[in-house]
Amino acid sequence: MPLWLHWIILGLIAGSLSKYLMPGRDPAGCLITIALGIIGSLLGGWIGSHLGWGDVGATGFSIRSIALATLGAIMLLLIGRLVVHFRRRA
């Protein structure tokens, strides 16, 4: 399986899990969910490698990779919601 396909599948899984774990209004579609998961994978892998928890491996799926990617995607969702909230108040 090509490397880019691994990242898309991991992004879809992590993005979907993050939206499930953080319910709320997110009008984003499937492509945005995949992008959220991919960027969350990069963020989660970076944080995990700096804390010694491991990194996100795109060559094979593991529970640790999915958990780190989902954690990164949740952080992105939280930051995005805070930005939208503060923009509405201003």
C-alpha atoms as a PDB file:
ATOM      1  CA  MET A   1       0.000   0.000   0.000  1.00  0.00           C
ATOM      2  CA  PRO A   2       1.454   3.422  -0.899  1.00  0.00           C
ATOM      3  CA  LEU A   3       2.584   5.727   1.910  1.00  0.00           C
ATOM      4  CA  TRP A   4       0.119   8.489   1.001  1.00  0.00           C
ATOM      5  CA  LEU A   5      -2.777   6.046   1.323  1.00  0.00           C
ATOM      6  CA  HIS A   6      -1.639   5.117   4.840  1.00  0.00           C
ATOM      7  CA  TRP A   7      -1.690   8.799   5.811  1.00  0.00           C
ATOM      8  CA  ILE A   8      -5.185   9.274   4.356  1.00  0.00           C
ATOM      9  CA  ILE A   9      -6.555   6.229   6.189  1.00  0.00           C
ATOM     10  CA  LEU A  10      -4.854   7.245   9.445  1.00  0.00           C
ATOM     11  CA  GLY A  11      -6.171  10.787   8.990  1.00  0.00           C
ATOM     12  CA  LEU A  12      -9.715   9.538   8.441  1.00  0.00           C
ATOM     13  CA  ILE A  13      -9.571   7.308  11.521  1.00  0.00           C
ATOM     14  CA  ALA A  14      -8.001   9.961  13.776  1.00  0.00           C
ATOM     15  CA  GLY A  15     -10.237  12.768  12.495  1.00  0.00           C
ATOM     16  CA  SER A  16     -13.382  10.694  12.921  1.00  0.00           C
ATOM     17  CA  LEU A  17     -12.406   9.566  16.417  1.00  0.00           C
ATOM     18  CA  SER A  18     -11.577  13.110  17.470  1.00  0.00           C
ATOM     19  CA  LYS A  19     -14.936  14.402  16.240  1.00  0.00           C
ATOM     20  CA  TYR A  20     -16.684  11.536  18.025  1.00  0.00           C
ATOM     21  CA  LEU A  21     -14.833  12.174  21.301  1.00  0.00           C
ATOM     22  CA  MET A  22     -15.403  15.950  21.121  1.00  0.00           C
ATOM     23  CA  PRO A  23     -19.037  16.344  20.124  1.00  0.00           C
ATOM     24  CA  GLY A  24     -20.250  19.721  19.010  1.00  0.00           C
ATOM     25  CA  ARG A  25     -20.974  21.738  15.904  1.00  0.00           C
ATOM     26  CA  ASP A  26     -18.390  21.040  13.247  1.00  0.00           C
ATOM     27  CA  PRO A  27     -19.809  21.664   9.793  1.00  0.00           C
ATOM     28  CA  ALA A  28     -16.740  20.162   8.122  1.00  0.00           C
ATOM     29  CA  GLY A  29     -17.081  17.342   5.648  1.00  0.00           C
ATOM     30  CA  CYS A  30     -15.058  14.224   4.952  1.00  0.00           C
ATOM     31  CA  LEU A  31     -12.071  15.963   3.334  1.00  0.00           C
ATOM     32  CA  ILE A  32     -11.685  18.386   6.223  1.00  0.00           C
ATOM     33  CA  THR A  33     -11.949  15.470   8.663  1.00  0.00           C
ATOM     34  CA  ILE A  34      -9.134  13.675   6.828  1.00  0.00           C
ATOM     35  CA  ALA A  35      -7.006  16.838   6.797  1.00  0.00           C
ATOM     36  CA  LEU A  36      -7.696  17.325  10.512  1.00  0.00           C
ATOM     37  CA  GLY A  37      -6.553  13.775  11.184  1.00  0.00           C
ATOM     38  CA  ILE A  38      -3.401  14.067   9.059  1.00  0.00           C
ATOM     39  CA  ILE A  39      -2.336  17.343  10.656  1.00  0.00           C
ATOM     40  CA  GLY A  40      -3.306  15.917  14.042  1.00  0.00           C
ATOM     41  CA  SER A  41      -1.098  12.906  13.289  1.00  0.00           C
ATOM     42  CA  LEU A  42       1.855  15.175  12.662  1.00  0.00           C
ATOM     43  CA  LEU A  43       1.159  17.174  15.828  1.00  0.00           C
ATOM     44  CA  GLY A  44       0.528  14.077  17.950  1.00  0.00           C
ATOM     45  CA  GLY A  45       3.656  12.372  16.614  1.00  0.00           C
ATOM     46  CA  TRP A  46       5.758  15.436  17.332  1.00  0.00           C
ATOM     47  CA  ILE A  47       4.429  15.744  20.882  1.00  0.00           C
ATOM     48  CA  GLY A  48       4.713  12.000  21.490  1.00  0.00           C
ATOM     49  CA  SER A  49       8.309  11.839  20.304  1.00  0.00           C
ATOM     50  CA  HIS A  50       9.289  14.776  22.522  1.00  0.00           C
ATOM     51  CA  LEU A  51       7.618  13.201  25.570  1.00  0.00           C
ATOM     52  CA  GLY A  52       9.096   9.762  24.893  1.00  0.00           C
ATOM     53  CA  TRP A  53       5.779   8.088  24.070  1.00  0.00           C
ATOM     54  CA  GLY A  54       6.844   7.058  20.570  1.00  0.00           C
ATOM     55  CA  ASP A  55       5.792   8.512  17.255  1.00  0.00           C
ATOM     56  CA  VAL A  56       3.155   8.058  14.591  1.00  0.00           C
ATOM     57  CA  GLY A  57       4.260   5.438  12.092  1.00  0.00           C
ATOM     58  CA  ALA A  58       2.683   5.699   8.680  1.00  0.00           C
ATOM     59  CA  THR A  59       4.044   2.369   7.493  1.00  0.00           C
ATOM     60  CA  GLY A  60       1.807   0.369   9.792  1.00  0.00           C
ATOM     61  CA  PHE A  61      -1.131   1.047  12.038  1.00  0.00           C
ATOM     62  CA  SER A  62      -0.879   0.510  15.764  1.00  0.00           C
ATOM     63  CA  ILE A  63      -2.984   1.543  18.704  1.00  0.00           C
ATOM     64  CA  ARG A  64      -0.253   3.970  19.785  1.00  0.00           C
ATOM     65  CA  SER A  65      -0.152   5.665  16.362  1.00  0.00           C
ATOM     66  CA  ILE A  66      -3.923   6.019  16.244  1.00  0.00           C
ATOM     67  CA  ALA A  67      -4.038   7.298  19.839  1.00  0.00           C
ATOM     68  CA  LEU A  68      -1.324   9.911  19.218  1.00  0.00           C
ATOM     69  CA  ALA A  69      -2.947  11.006  15.972  1.00  0.00           C
ATOM     70  CA  THR A  70      -6.342  11.287  17.664  1.00  0.00           C
ATOM     71  CA  LEU A  71      -4.826  13.258  20.547  1.00  0.00           C
ATOM     72  CA  GLY A  72      -3.284  15.692  18.059  1.00  0.00           C
ATOM     73  CA  ALA A  73      -6.574  16.024  16.172  1.00  0.00           C
ATOM     74  CA  ILE A  74      -8.464  16.690  19.418  1.00  0.00           C
ATOM     75  CA  MET A  75      -5.977  19.428  20.256  1.00  0.00           C
ATOM     76  CA  LEU A  76      -6.530  20.990  16.822  1.00  0.00           C
ATOM     77  CA  LEU A  77     -10.308  20.827  17.248  1.00  0.00           C
ATOM     78  CA  LEU A  78     -10.038  22.480  20.645  1.00  0.00           C
ATOM     79  CA  ILE A  79      -7.798  25.265  19.303  1.00  0.00           C
ATOM     80  CA  GLY A  80     -10.141  25.792  16.336  1.00  0.00           C
ATOM     81  CA  ARG A  81     -13.203  26.017  18.556  1.00  0.00           C
ATOM     82  CA  LEU A  82     -11.466  28.488  20.881  1.00  0.00           C
ATOM     83  CA  VAL A  83     -10.489  30.683  17.938  1.00  0.00           C
ATOM     84  CA  VAL A  84     -14.042  30.660  16.574  1.00  0.00           C
ATOM     85  CA  HIS A  85     -15.451  31.388  20.037  1.00  0.00           C
ATOM     86  CA  PHE A  86     -13.182  34.373  20.613  1.00  0.00           C
ATOM     87  CA  ARG A  87     -13.772  35.739  17.111  1.00  0.00           C
ATOM     88  CA  ARG A  88     -17.527  35.705  17.721  1.00  0.00           C
ATOM     89  CA  ARG A  89     -17.128  37.590  20.986  1.00  0.00           C
ATOM     90  CA  ALA A  90     -14.937  40.293  19.476  1.00  0.00           C
END
